[in-house]
Amino acid sequence: MEIRTGASAIKWAKTQTTNPVKDFHNLCLQFTRMCFNVAAKYTTAKKGWEGATKKHKTTNASSIPAGVPVWFKTGTVNWHVAISTGNGNCYSTDVGGRGKVGLI
């Protein structure tokens, strides 16, 4: 399995907005893993954050570089993860409808 670079991961995520491989409802971690073409390791986005070796907390979304996973503490048990496109934007699941991927 070849891991995708940040730029390739963004490109793959973009394809999911018009030609999705599946319904990603409540599957943010699976979607983000698929962006990078990496195998499953954690069962929830929160556990993924806790297991990440490189963490950079920020409240400035525009400072997050393109092509990296970005975690959100949502108030739920499992949190949320998406892929940053830079400039404060990301491709995320359940945007624009249940199970849909969109740019937000």
PDB file of N, CA and C in Angstrom:
ATOM      1  N   MET A   1       0.857  -1.175   0.000  1.00  0.00           N
ATOM      2  CA  MET A   1       0.000   0.000   0.000  1.00  0.00           C
ATOM      3  C   MET A   1       0.902   1.237   0.000  1.00  0.00           C
ATOM      4  N   GLU A   2       0.755   2.071  -1.014  1.00  0.00           N
ATOM      5  CA  GLU A   2       1.560   3.282  -1.103  1.00  0.00           C
ATOM      6  C   GLU A   2       0.837   4.435  -0.404  1.00  0.00           C
ATOM      7  N   ILE A   3       1.498   5.019   0.570  1.00  0.00           N
ATOM      8  CA  ILE A   3       0.921   6.142   1.315  1.00  0.00           C
ATOM      9  C   ILE A   3       0.920   7.380   0.424  1.00  0.00           C
ATOM     10  N   ARG A   4      -0.179   8.116   0.426  1.00  0.00           N
ATOM     11  CA  ARG A   4      -0.285   9.333  -0.380  1.00  0.00           C
ATOM     12  C   ARG A   4       0.368  10.513   0.341  1.00  0.00           C
ATOM     13  N   THR A   5       0.975  11.393  -0.418  1.00  0.00           N
ATOM     14  CA  THR A   5       1.500  12.647   0.112  1.00  0.00           C
ATOM     15  C   THR A   5       0.322  13.548   0.461  1.00  0.00           C
ATOM     16  N   GLY A   6       0.598  14.647   1.136  1.00  0.00           N
ATOM     17  CA  GLY A   6      -0.461  15.592   1.473  1.00  0.00           C
ATOM     18  C   GLY A   6      -1.204  16.093   0.245  1.00  0.00           C
ATOM     19  N   ALA A   7      -0.453  16.463  -0.802  1.00  0.00           N
ATOM     20  CA  ALA A   7      -1.083  16.966  -2.031  1.00  0.00           C
ATOM     21  C   ALA A   7      -1.937  15.886  -2.688  1.00  0.00           C
ATOM     22  N   SER A   8      -1.440  14.665  -2.727  1.00  0.00           N
ATOM     23  CA  SER A   8      -2.203  13.561  -3.318  1.00  0.00           C
ATOM     24  C   SER A   8      -3.428  13.229  -2.478  1.00  0.00           C
ATOM     25  N   ALA A   9      -3.303  13.344  -1.165  1.00  0.00           N
ATOM     26  CA  ALA A   9      -4.431  13.083  -0.272  1.00  0.00           C
ATOM     27  C   ALA A   9      -5.544  14.097  -0.501  1.00  0.00           C
ATOM     28  N   ILE A  10      -5.171  15.359  -0.678  1.00  0.00           N
ATOM     29  CA  ILE A  10      -6.163  16.401  -0.962  1.00  0.00           C
ATOM     30  C   ILE A  10      -6.845  16.124  -2.301  1.00  0.00           C
ATOM     31  N   LYS A  11      -6.056  15.759  -3.282  1.00  0.00           N
ATOM     32  CA  LYS A  11      -6.613  15.459  -4.614  1.00  0.00           C
ATOM     33  C   LYS A  11      -7.627  14.319  -4.522  1.00  0.00           C
ATOM     34  N   TRP A  12      -7.279  13.264  -3.766  1.00  0.00           N
ATOM     35  CA  TRP A  12      -8.205  12.140  -3.606  1.00  0.00           C
ATOM     36  C   TRP A  12      -9.465  12.600  -2.881  1.00  0.00           C
ATOM     37  N   ALA A  13      -9.300  13.399  -1.831  1.00  0.00           N
ATOM     38  CA  ALA A  13     -10.459  13.898  -1.080  1.00  0.00           C
ATOM     39  C   ALA A  13     -11.393  14.681  -1.993  1.00  0.00           C
ATOM     40  N   LYS A  14     -10.823  15.498  -2.852  1.00  0.00           N
ATOM     41  CA  LYS A  14     -11.641  16.306  -3.767  1.00  0.00           C
ATOM     42  C   LYS A  14     -12.484  15.414  -4.679  1.00  0.00           C
ATOM     43  N   THR A  15     -11.915  14.292  -5.132  1.00  0.00           N
ATOM     44  CA  THR A  15     -12.685  13.391  -5.995  1.00  0.00           C
ATOM     45  C   THR A  15     -13.913  12.842  -5.280  1.00  0.00           C
ATOM     46  N   GLN A  16     -13.831  12.759  -3.967  1.00  0.00           N
ATOM     47  CA  GLN A  16     -14.942  12.211  -3.191  1.00  0.00           C
ATOM     48  C   GLN A  16     -16.135  13.153  -3.105  1.00  0.00           C
ATOM     49  N   THR A  17     -15.934  14.408  -3.475  1.00  0.00           N
ATOM     50  CA  THR A  17     -17.055  15.357  -3.475  1.00  0.00           C
ATOM     51  C   THR A  17     -17.999  15.114  -4.642  1.00  0.00           C
ATOM     52  N   THR A  18     -17.475  14.543  -5.735  1.00  0.00           N
ATOM     53  CA  THR A  18     -18.299  14.313  -6.928  1.00  0.00           C
ATOM     54  C   THR A  18     -18.421  12.844  -7.307  1.00  0.00           C
ATOM     55  N   ASN A  19     -17.471  12.026  -6.887  1.00  0.00           N
ATOM     56  CA  ASN A  19     -17.469  10.614  -7.258  1.00  0.00           C
ATOM     57  C   ASN A  19     -17.071   9.765  -6.045  1.00  0.00           C
ATOM     58  N   PRO A  20     -17.902   9.771  -5.002  1.00  0.00           N
ATOM     59  CA  PRO A  20     -17.518   9.072  -3.762  1.00  0.00           C
ATOM     60  C   PRO A  20     -17.473   7.559  -3.922  1.00  0.00           C
ATOM     61  N   VAL A  21     -16.542   6.956  -3.207  1.00  0.00           N
ATOM     62  CA  VAL A  21     -16.429   5.497  -3.217  1.00  0.00           C
ATOM     63  C   VAL A  21     -17.429   4.860  -2.259  1.00  0.00           C
ATOM     64  N   LYS A  22     -17.981   5.664  -1.341  1.00  0.00           N
ATOM     65  CA  LYS A  22     -18.964   5.148  -0.385  1.00  0.00           C
ATOM     66  C   LYS A  22     -19.656   6.297   0.322  1.00  0.00           C
ATOM     67  N   ASP A  23     -20.644   5.980   1.120  1.00  0.00           N
ATOM     68  CA  ASP A  23     -21.332   6.928   1.996  1.00  0.00           C
ATOM     69  C   ASP A  23     -20.470   7.054   3.252  1.00  0.00           C
ATOM     70  N   PHE A  24     -19.975   8.252   3.537  1.00  0.00           N
ATOM     71  CA  PHE A  24     -19.068   8.452   4.666  1.00  0.00           C
ATOM     72  C   PHE A  24     -19.764   8.972   5.923  1.00  0.00           C
ATOM     73  N   HIS A  25     -21.057   8.702   6.063  1.00  0.00           N
ATOM     74  CA  HIS A  25     -21.768   9.167   7.258  1.00  0.00           C
ATOM     75  C   HIS A  25     -21.119   8.585   8.519  1.00  0.00           C
ATOM     76  N   ASN A  26     -20.712   9.471   9.421  1.00  0.00           N
ATOM     77  CA  ASN A  26     -20.060   9.114  10.685  1.00  0.00           C
ATOM     78  C   ASN A  26     -18.771   8.310  10.487  1.00  0.00           C
ATOM     79  N   LEU A  27     -18.128   8.478   9.348  1.00  0.00           N
ATOM     80  CA  LEU A  27     -16.897   7.738   9.051  1.00  0.00           C
ATOM     81  C   LEU A  27     -15.734   8.698   8.767  1.00  0.00           C
ATOM     82  N   CYS A  28     -15.605   9.741   9.560  1.00  0.00           N
ATOM     83  CA  CYS A  28     -14.570  10.738   9.320  1.00  0.00           C
ATOM     84  C   CYS A  28     -13.164  10.150   9.420  1.00  0.00           C
ATOM     85  N   LEU A  29     -12.940   9.269  10.367  1.00  0.00           N
ATOM     86  CA  LEU A  29     -11.612   8.679  10.519  1.00  0.00           C
ATOM     87  C   LEU A  29     -11.291   7.775   9.332  1.00  0.00           C
ATOM     88  N   GLN A  30     -12.254   6.982   8.904  1.00  0.00           N
ATOM     89  CA  GLN A  30     -12.030   6.124   7.749  1.00  0.00           C
ATOM     90  C   GLN A  30     -11.766   6.967   6.499  1.00  0.00           C
ATOM     91  N   PHE A  31     -12.538   8.024   6.309  1.00  0.00           N
ATOM     92  CA  PHE A  31     -12.337   8.921   5.172  1.00  0.00           C
ATOM     93  C   PHE A  31     -10.924   9.508   5.184  1.00  0.00           C
ATOM     94  N   THR A  32     -10.492  10.008   6.321  1.00  0.00           N
ATOM     95  CA  THR A  32      -9.170  10.630   6.408  1.00  0.00           C
ATOM     96  C   THR A  32      -8.064   9.606   6.170  1.00  0.00           C
ATOM     97  N   ARG A  33      -8.226   8.414   6.711  1.00  0.00           N
ATOM     98  CA  ARG A  33      -7.251   7.348   6.444  1.00  0.00           C
ATOM     99  C   ARG A  33      -7.208   7.029   4.955  1.00  0.00           C
ATOM    100  N   MET A  34      -8.370   6.976   4.331  1.00  0.00           N
ATOM    101  CA  MET A  34      -8.421   6.669   2.904  1.00  0.00           C
ATOM    102  C   MET A  34      -7.777   7.780   2.080  1.00  0.00           C
ATOM    103  N   CYS A  35      -7.886   9.020   2.524  1.00  0.00           N
ATOM    104  CA  CYS A  35      -7.214  10.126   1.830  1.00  0.00           C
ATOM    105  C   CYS A  35      -5.715   9.855   1.725  1.00  0.00           C
ATOM    106  N   PHE A  36      -5.140   9.380   2.810  1.00  0.00           N
ATOM    107  CA  PHE A  36      -3.698   9.120   2.864  1.00  0.00           C
ATOM    108  C   PHE A  36      -3.339   7.688   2.465  1.00  0.00           C
ATOM    109  N   ASN A  37      -4.353   6.850   2.250  1.00  0.00           N
ATOM    110  CA  ASN A  37      -4.164   5.454   1.888  1.00  0.00           C
ATOM    111  C   ASN A  37      -3.370   4.701   2.964  1.00  0.00           C
ATOM    112  N   VAL A  38      -3.779   4.902   4.210  1.00  0.00           N
ATOM    113  CA  VAL A  38      -3.135   4.199   5.319  1.00  0.00           C
ATOM    114  C   VAL A  38      -4.129   3.242   5.982  1.00  0.00           C
ATOM    115  N   ALA A  39      -3.600   2.195   6.556  1.00  0.00           N
ATOM    116  CA  ALA A  39      -4.425   1.170   7.193  1.00  0.00           C
ATOM    117  C   ALA A  39      -5.018   1.684   8.506  1.00  0.00           C
ATOM    118  N   ALA A  40      -6.074   1.036   8.912  1.00  0.00           N
ATOM    119  CA  ALA A  40      -6.721   1.361  10.178  1.00  0.00           C
ATOM    120  C   ALA A  40      -5.795   1.059  11.344  1.00  0.00           C
ATOM    121  N   LYS A  41      -5.796   1.954  12.318  1.00  0.00           N
ATOM    122  CA  LYS A  41      -5.014   1.742  13.530  1.00  0.00           C
ATOM    123  C   LYS A  41      -5.846   2.058  14.765  1.00  0.00           C
ATOM    124  N   TYR A  42      -6.691   3.069  14.676  1.00  0.00           N
ATOM    125  CA  TYR A  42      -7.516   3.494  15.810  1.00  0.00           C
ATOM    126  C   TYR A  42      -8.993   3.381  15.440  1.00  0.00           C
ATOM    127  N   THR A  43      -9.826   3.260  16.448  1.00  0.00           N
ATOM    128  CA  THR A  43     -11.259   3.065  16.203  1.00  0.00           C
ATOM    129  C   THR A  43     -12.067   4.352  16.205  1.00  0.00           C
ATOM    130  N   THR A  44     -11.506   5.431  16.745  1.00  0.00           N
ATOM    131  CA  THR A  44     -12.212   6.714  16.765  1.00  0.00           C
ATOM    132  C   THR A  44     -11.233   7.838  16.465  1.00  0.00           C
ATOM    133  N   ALA A  45     -11.774   8.972  16.038  1.00  0.00           N
ATOM    134  CA  ALA A  45     -10.934  10.145  15.785  1.00  0.00           C
ATOM    135  C   ALA A  45     -10.220  10.576  17.066  1.00  0.00           C
ATOM    136  N   LYS A  46     -10.901  10.515  18.189  1.00  0.00           N
ATOM    137  CA  LYS A  46     -10.273  10.900  19.458  1.00  0.00           C
ATOM    138  C   LYS A  46      -9.062  10.004  19.747  1.00  0.00           C
ATOM    139  N   LYS A  47      -9.208   8.714  19.544  1.00  0.00           N
ATOM    140  CA  LYS A  47      -8.086   7.807  19.784  1.00  0.00           C
ATOM    141  C   LYS A  47      -6.956   8.063  18.783  1.00  0.00           C
ATOM    142  N   GLY A  48      -7.311   8.452  17.562  1.00  0.00           N
ATOM    143  CA  GLY A  48      -6.305   8.816  16.573  1.00  0.00           C
ATOM    144  C   GLY A  48      -5.494  10.017  17.012  1.00  0.00           C
ATOM    145  N   TRP A  49      -6.177  11.037  17.555  1.00  0.00           N
ATOM    146  CA  TRP A  49      -5.490  12.216  18.084  1.00  0.00           C
ATOM    147  C   TRP A  49      -4.577  11.819  19.242  1.00  0.00           C
ATOM    148  N   GLU A  50      -5.112  11.032  20.140  1.00  0.00           N
ATOM    149  CA  GLU A  50      -4.324  10.622  21.307  1.00  0.00           C
ATOM    150  C   GLU A  50      -3.096   9.809  20.899  1.00  0.00           C
ATOM    151  N   GLY A  51      -3.182   9.050  19.800  1.00  0.00           N
ATOM    152  CA  GLY A  51      -2.081   8.228  19.349  1.00  0.00           C
ATOM    153  C   GLY A  51      -1.126   8.928  18.389  1.00  0.00           C
ATOM    154  N   ALA A  52      -1.478  10.126  17.944  1.00  0.00           N
ATOM    155  CA  ALA A  52      -0.624  10.854  16.997  1.00  0.00           C
ATOM    156  C   ALA A  52       0.699  11.232  17.664  1.00  0.00           C
ATOM    157  N   THR A  53       1.784  11.082  16.922  1.00  0.00           N
ATOM    158  CA  THR A  53       3.106  11.406  17.476  1.00  0.00           C
ATOM    159  C   THR A  53       3.482  12.865  17.270  1.00  0.00           C
ATOM    160  N   LYS A  54       2.879  13.509  16.287  1.00  0.00           N
ATOM    161  CA  LYS A  54       3.147  14.931  16.035  1.00  0.00           C
ATOM    162  C   LYS A  54       1.840  15.687  16.168  1.00  0.00           C
ATOM    163  N   LYS A  55       1.739  16.501  17.216  1.00  0.00           N
ATOM    164  CA  LYS A  55       0.518  17.261  17.475  1.00  0.00           C
ATOM    165  C   LYS A  55       0.863  18.736  17.571  1.00  0.00           C
ATOM    166  N   HIS A  56       0.041  19.546  16.952  1.00  0.00           N
ATOM    167  CA  HIS A  56       0.235  20.990  17.005  1.00  0.00           C
ATOM    168  C   HIS A  56      -1.119  21.628  17.266  1.00  0.00           C
ATOM    169  N   LYS A  57      -1.407  21.925  18.512  1.00  0.00           N
ATOM    170  CA  LYS A  57      -2.691  22.533  18.857  1.00  0.00           C
ATOM    171  C   LYS A  57      -2.698  23.992  18.411  1.00  0.00           C
ATOM    172  N   THR A  58      -3.848  24.430  17.892  1.00  0.00           N
ATOM    173  CA  THR A  58      -4.003  25.817  17.486  1.00  0.00           C
ATOM    174  C   THR A  58      -5.482  26.194  17.512  1.00  0.00           C
ATOM    175  N   THR A  59      -5.732  27.458  17.663  1.00  0.00           N
ATOM    176  CA  THR A  59      -7.088  27.985  17.517  1.00  0.00           C
ATOM    177  C   THR A  59      -7.173  28.822  16.246  1.00  0.00           C
ATOM    178  N   ASN A  60      -6.070  28.905  15.496  1.00  0.00           N
ATOM    179  CA  ASN A  60      -5.996  29.668  14.261  1.00  0.00           C
ATOM    180  C   ASN A  60      -6.045  28.712  13.075  1.00  0.00           C
ATOM    181  N   ALA A  61      -7.233  28.472  12.556  1.00  0.00           N
ATOM    182  CA  ALA A  61      -7.407  27.496  11.472  1.00  0.00           C
ATOM    183  C   ALA A  61      -6.583  27.841  10.243  1.00  0.00           C
ATOM    184  N   SER A  62      -6.385  29.123   9.966  1.00  0.00           N
ATOM    185  CA  SER A  62      -5.637  29.504   8.766  1.00  0.00           C
ATOM    186  C   SER A  62      -4.147  29.171   8.881  1.00  0.00           C
ATOM    187  N   SER A  63      -3.690  28.830  10.083  1.00  0.00           N
ATOM    188  CA  SER A  63      -2.273  28.474  10.257  1.00  0.00           C
ATOM    189  C   SER A  63      -2.005  26.993   9.988  1.00  0.00           C
ATOM    190  N   ILE A  64      -3.056  26.204   9.799  1.00  0.00           N
ATOM    191  CA  ILE A  64      -2.891  24.766   9.578  1.00  0.00           C
ATOM    192  C   ILE A  64      -2.468  24.546   8.129  1.00  0.00           C
ATOM    193  N   PRO A  65      -1.352  23.863   7.915  1.00  0.00           N
ATOM    194  CA  PRO A  65      -0.887  23.654   6.538  1.00  0.00           C
ATOM    195  C   PRO A  65      -1.790  22.695   5.759  1.00  0.00           C
ATOM    196  N   ALA A  66      -1.720  22.798   4.458  1.00  0.00           N
ATOM    197  CA  ALA A  66      -2.471  21.898   3.583  1.00  0.00           C
ATOM    198  C   ALA A  66      -1.880  20.499   3.652  1.00  0.00           C
ATOM    199  N   GLY A  67      -2.758  19.512   3.532  1.00  0.00           N
ATOM    200  CA  GLY A  67      -2.315  18.131   3.422  1.00  0.00           C
ATOM    201  C   GLY A  67      -2.018  17.436   4.732  1.00  0.00           C
ATOM    202  N   VAL A  68      -2.613  17.916   5.809  1.00  0.00           N
ATOM    203  CA  VAL A  68      -2.440  17.250   7.102  1.00  0.00           C
ATOM    204  C   VAL A  68      -3.817  16.955   7.701  1.00  0.00           C
ATOM    205  N   PRO A  69      -3.914  15.905   8.514  1.00  0.00           N
ATOM    206  CA  PRO A  69      -5.182  15.669   9.206  1.00  0.00           C
ATOM    207  C   PRO A  69      -5.391  16.750  10.261  1.00  0.00           C
ATOM    208  N   VAL A  70      -6.630  17.123  10.442  1.00  0.00           N
ATOM    209  CA  VAL A  70      -6.972  18.136  11.437  1.00  0.00           C
ATOM    210  C   VAL A  70      -8.108  17.588  12.295  1.00  0.00           C
ATOM    211  N   TRP A  71      -7.887  17.616  13.613  1.00  0.00           N
ATOM    212  CA  TRP A  71      -8.862  17.072  14.559  1.00  0.00           C
ATOM    213  C   TRP A  71      -9.658  18.193  15.194  1.00  0.00           C
ATOM    214  N   PHE A  72     -10.929  17.877  15.486  1.00  0.00           N
ATOM    215  CA  PHE A  72     -11.831  18.814  16.141  1.00  0.00           C
ATOM    216  C   PHE A  72     -12.418  18.136  17.368  1.00  0.00           C
ATOM    217  N   LYS A  73     -12.374  18.820  18.475  1.00  0.00           N
ATOM    218  CA  LYS A  73     -13.056  18.337  19.673  1.00  0.00           C
ATOM    219  C   LYS A  73     -14.497  18.793  19.537  1.00  0.00           C
ATOM    220  N   THR A  74     -15.395  17.862  19.280  1.00  0.00           N
ATOM    221  CA  THR A  74     -16.775  18.204  18.939  1.00  0.00           C
ATOM    222  C   THR A  74     -17.728  18.182  20.116  1.00  0.00           C
ATOM    223  N   GLY A  75     -17.250  17.771  21.263  1.00  0.00           N
ATOM    224  CA  GLY A  75     -18.147  17.638  22.396  1.00  0.00           C
ATOM    225  C   GLY A  75     -18.720  16.236  22.492  1.00  0.00           C
ATOM    226  N   THR A  76     -18.541  15.455  21.423  1.00  0.00           N
ATOM    227  CA  THR A  76     -18.973  14.066  21.466  1.00  0.00           C
ATOM    228  C   THR A  76     -17.813  13.208  21.937  1.00  0.00           C
ATOM    229  N   VAL A  77     -18.085  11.991  22.206  1.00  0.00           N
ATOM    230  CA  VAL A  77     -17.070  11.071  22.715  1.00  0.00           C
ATOM    231  C   VAL A  77     -15.967  10.843  21.682  1.00  0.00           C
ATOM    232  N   ASN A  78     -16.319  10.772  20.409  1.00  0.00           N
ATOM    233  CA  ASN A  78     -15.364  10.336  19.392  1.00  0.00           C
ATOM    234  C   ASN A  78     -14.663  11.440  18.607  1.00  0.00           C
ATOM    235  N   TRP A  79     -15.027  12.695  18.786  1.00  0.00           N
ATOM    236  CA  TRP A  79     -14.418  13.831  18.089  1.00  0.00           C
ATOM    237  C   TRP A  79     -14.632  13.743  16.583  1.00  0.00           C
ATOM    238  N   HIS A  80     -13.829  14.521  15.822  1.00  0.00           N
ATOM    239  CA  HIS A  80     -13.956  14.561  14.360  1.00  0.00           C
ATOM    240  C   HIS A  80     -12.577  14.811  13.761  1.00  0.00           C
ATOM    241  N   VAL A  81     -12.331  14.249  12.583  1.00  0.00           N
ATOM    242  CA  VAL A  81     -11.072  14.467  11.873  1.00  0.00           C
ATOM    243  C   VAL A  81     -11.379  14.695  10.400  1.00  0.00           C
ATOM    244  N   ALA A  82     -10.592  15.564   9.766  1.00  0.00           N
ATOM    245  CA  ALA A  82     -10.750  15.895   8.351  1.00  0.00           C
ATOM    246  C   ALA A  82      -9.355  16.132   7.774  1.00  0.00           C
ATOM    247  N   ILE A  83      -9.276  16.525   6.515  1.00  0.00           N
ATOM    248  CA  ILE A  83      -7.983  16.827   5.902  1.00  0.00           C
ATOM    249  C   ILE A  83      -7.928  18.298   5.507  1.00  0.00           C
ATOM    250  N   SER A  84      -6.902  18.978   5.989  1.00  0.00           N
ATOM    251  CA  SER A  84      -6.740  20.400   5.717  1.00  0.00           C
ATOM    252  C   SER A  84      -6.344  20.639   4.266  1.00  0.00           C
ATOM    253  N   THR A  85      -6.932  21.687   3.689  1.00  0.00           N
ATOM    254  CA  THR A  85      -6.531  22.131   2.356  1.00  0.00           C
ATOM    255  C   THR A  85      -5.771  23.449   2.446  1.00  0.00           C
ATOM    256  N   GLY A  86      -5.530  23.897   3.675  1.00  0.00           N
ATOM    257  CA  GLY A  86      -4.855  25.169   3.900  1.00  0.00           C
ATOM    258  C   GLY A  86      -5.839  26.318   3.941  1.00  0.00           C
ATOM    259  N   ASN A  87      -5.371  27.486   4.358  1.00  0.00           N
ATOM    260  CA  ASN A  87      -6.190  28.706   4.424  1.00  0.00           C
ATOM    261  C   ASN A  87      -7.447  28.555   5.258  1.00  0.00           C
ATOM    262  N   GLY A  88      -7.410  27.675   6.260  1.00  0.00           N
ATOM    263  CA  GLY A  88      -8.549  27.507   7.155  1.00  0.00           C
ATOM    264  C   GLY A  88      -9.647  26.600   6.641  1.00  0.00           C
ATOM    265  N   ASN A  89      -9.404  25.906   5.538  1.00  0.00           N
ATOM    266  CA  ASN A  89     -10.410  25.020   4.948  1.00  0.00           C
ATOM    267  C   ASN A  89     -10.004  23.559   5.075  1.00  0.00           C
ATOM    268  N   CYS A  90     -10.981  22.683   4.903  1.00  0.00           N
ATOM    269  CA  CYS A  90     -10.691  21.250   4.921  1.00  0.00           C
ATOM    270  C   CYS A  90     -11.784  20.499   4.178  1.00  0.00           C
ATOM    271  N   TYR A  91     -11.437  19.289   3.724  1.00  0.00           N
ATOM    272  CA  TYR A  91     -12.430  18.358   3.218  1.00  0.00           C
ATOM    273  C   TYR A  91     -12.878  17.523   4.401  1.00  0.00           C
ATOM    274  N   SER A  92     -14.187  17.449   4.564  1.00  0.00           N
ATOM    275  CA  SER A  92     -14.755  16.789   5.728  1.00  0.00           C
ATOM    276  C   SER A  92     -15.971  15.970   5.328  1.00  0.00           C
ATOM    277  N   THR A  93     -16.306  15.027   6.159  1.00  0.00           N
ATOM    278  CA  THR A  93     -17.481  14.190   5.924  1.00  0.00           C
ATOM    279  C   THR A  93     -18.735  14.851   6.484  1.00  0.00           C
ATOM    280  N   ASP A  94     -19.873  14.424   5.967  1.00  0.00           N
ATOM    281  CA  ASP A  94     -21.192  14.913   6.385  1.00  0.00           C
ATOM    282  C   ASP A  94     -21.335  16.422   6.178  1.00  0.00           C
ATOM    283  N   VAL A  95     -20.684  16.937   5.132  1.00  0.00           N
ATOM    284  CA  VAL A  95     -20.790  18.347   4.755  1.00  0.00           C
ATOM    285  C   VAL A  95     -21.710  18.425   3.542  1.00  0.00           C
ATOM    286  N   GLY A  96     -22.745  19.202   3.642  1.00  0.00           N
ATOM    287  CA  GLY A  96     -23.670  19.318   2.514  1.00  0.00           C
ATOM    288  C   GLY A  96     -24.643  18.161   2.419  1.00  0.00           C
ATOM    289  N   GLY A  97     -24.716  17.359   3.458  1.00  0.00           N
ATOM    290  CA  GLY A  97     -25.649  16.257   3.484  1.00  0.00           C
ATOM    291  C   GLY A  97     -25.055  15.032   4.162  1.00  0.00           C
ATOM    292  N   ARG A  98     -25.934  14.179   4.605  1.00  0.00           N
ATOM    293  CA  ARG A  98     -25.534  12.960   5.314  1.00  0.00           C
ATOM    294  C   ARG A  98     -24.619  12.085   4.447  1.00  0.00           C
ATOM    295  N   GLY A  99     -23.413  11.809   4.953  1.00  0.00           N
ATOM    296  CA  GLY A  99     -22.480  10.944   4.265  1.00  0.00           C
ATOM    297  C   GLY A  99     -21.702  11.569   3.130  1.00  0.00           C
ATOM    298  N   LYS A 100     -21.971  12.830   2.844  1.00  0.00           N
ATOM    299  CA  LYS A 100     -21.308  13.512   1.729  1.00  0.00           C
ATOM    300  C   LYS A 100     -20.015  14.177   2.191  1.00  0.00           C
ATOM    301  N   VAL A 101     -19.028  14.209   1.283  1.00  0.00           N
ATOM    302  CA  VAL A 101     -17.773  14.897   1.524  1.00  0.00           C
ATOM    303  C   VAL A 101     -17.870  16.272   0.896  1.00  0.00           C
ATOM    304  N   GLY A 102     -17.393  17.275   1.614  1.00  0.00           N
ATOM    305  CA  GLY A 102     -17.421  18.627   1.075  1.00  0.00           C
ATOM    306  C   GLY A 102     -16.292  19.465   1.618  1.00  0.00           C
ATOM    307  N   LEU A 103     -16.066  20.587   0.982  1.00  0.00           N
ATOM    308  CA  LEU A 103     -15.061  21.549   1.403  1.00  0.00           C
ATOM    309  C   LEU A 103     -15.720  22.539   2.336  1.00  0.00           C
ATOM    310  N   ILE A 104     -15.130  22.735   3.483  1.00  0.00           N
ATOM    311  CA  ILE A 104     -15.704  23.642   4.484  1.00  0.00           C
ATOM    312  C   ILE A 104     -14.617  24.504   5.088  1.00  0.00           C
TER     313      ILE A 104
END
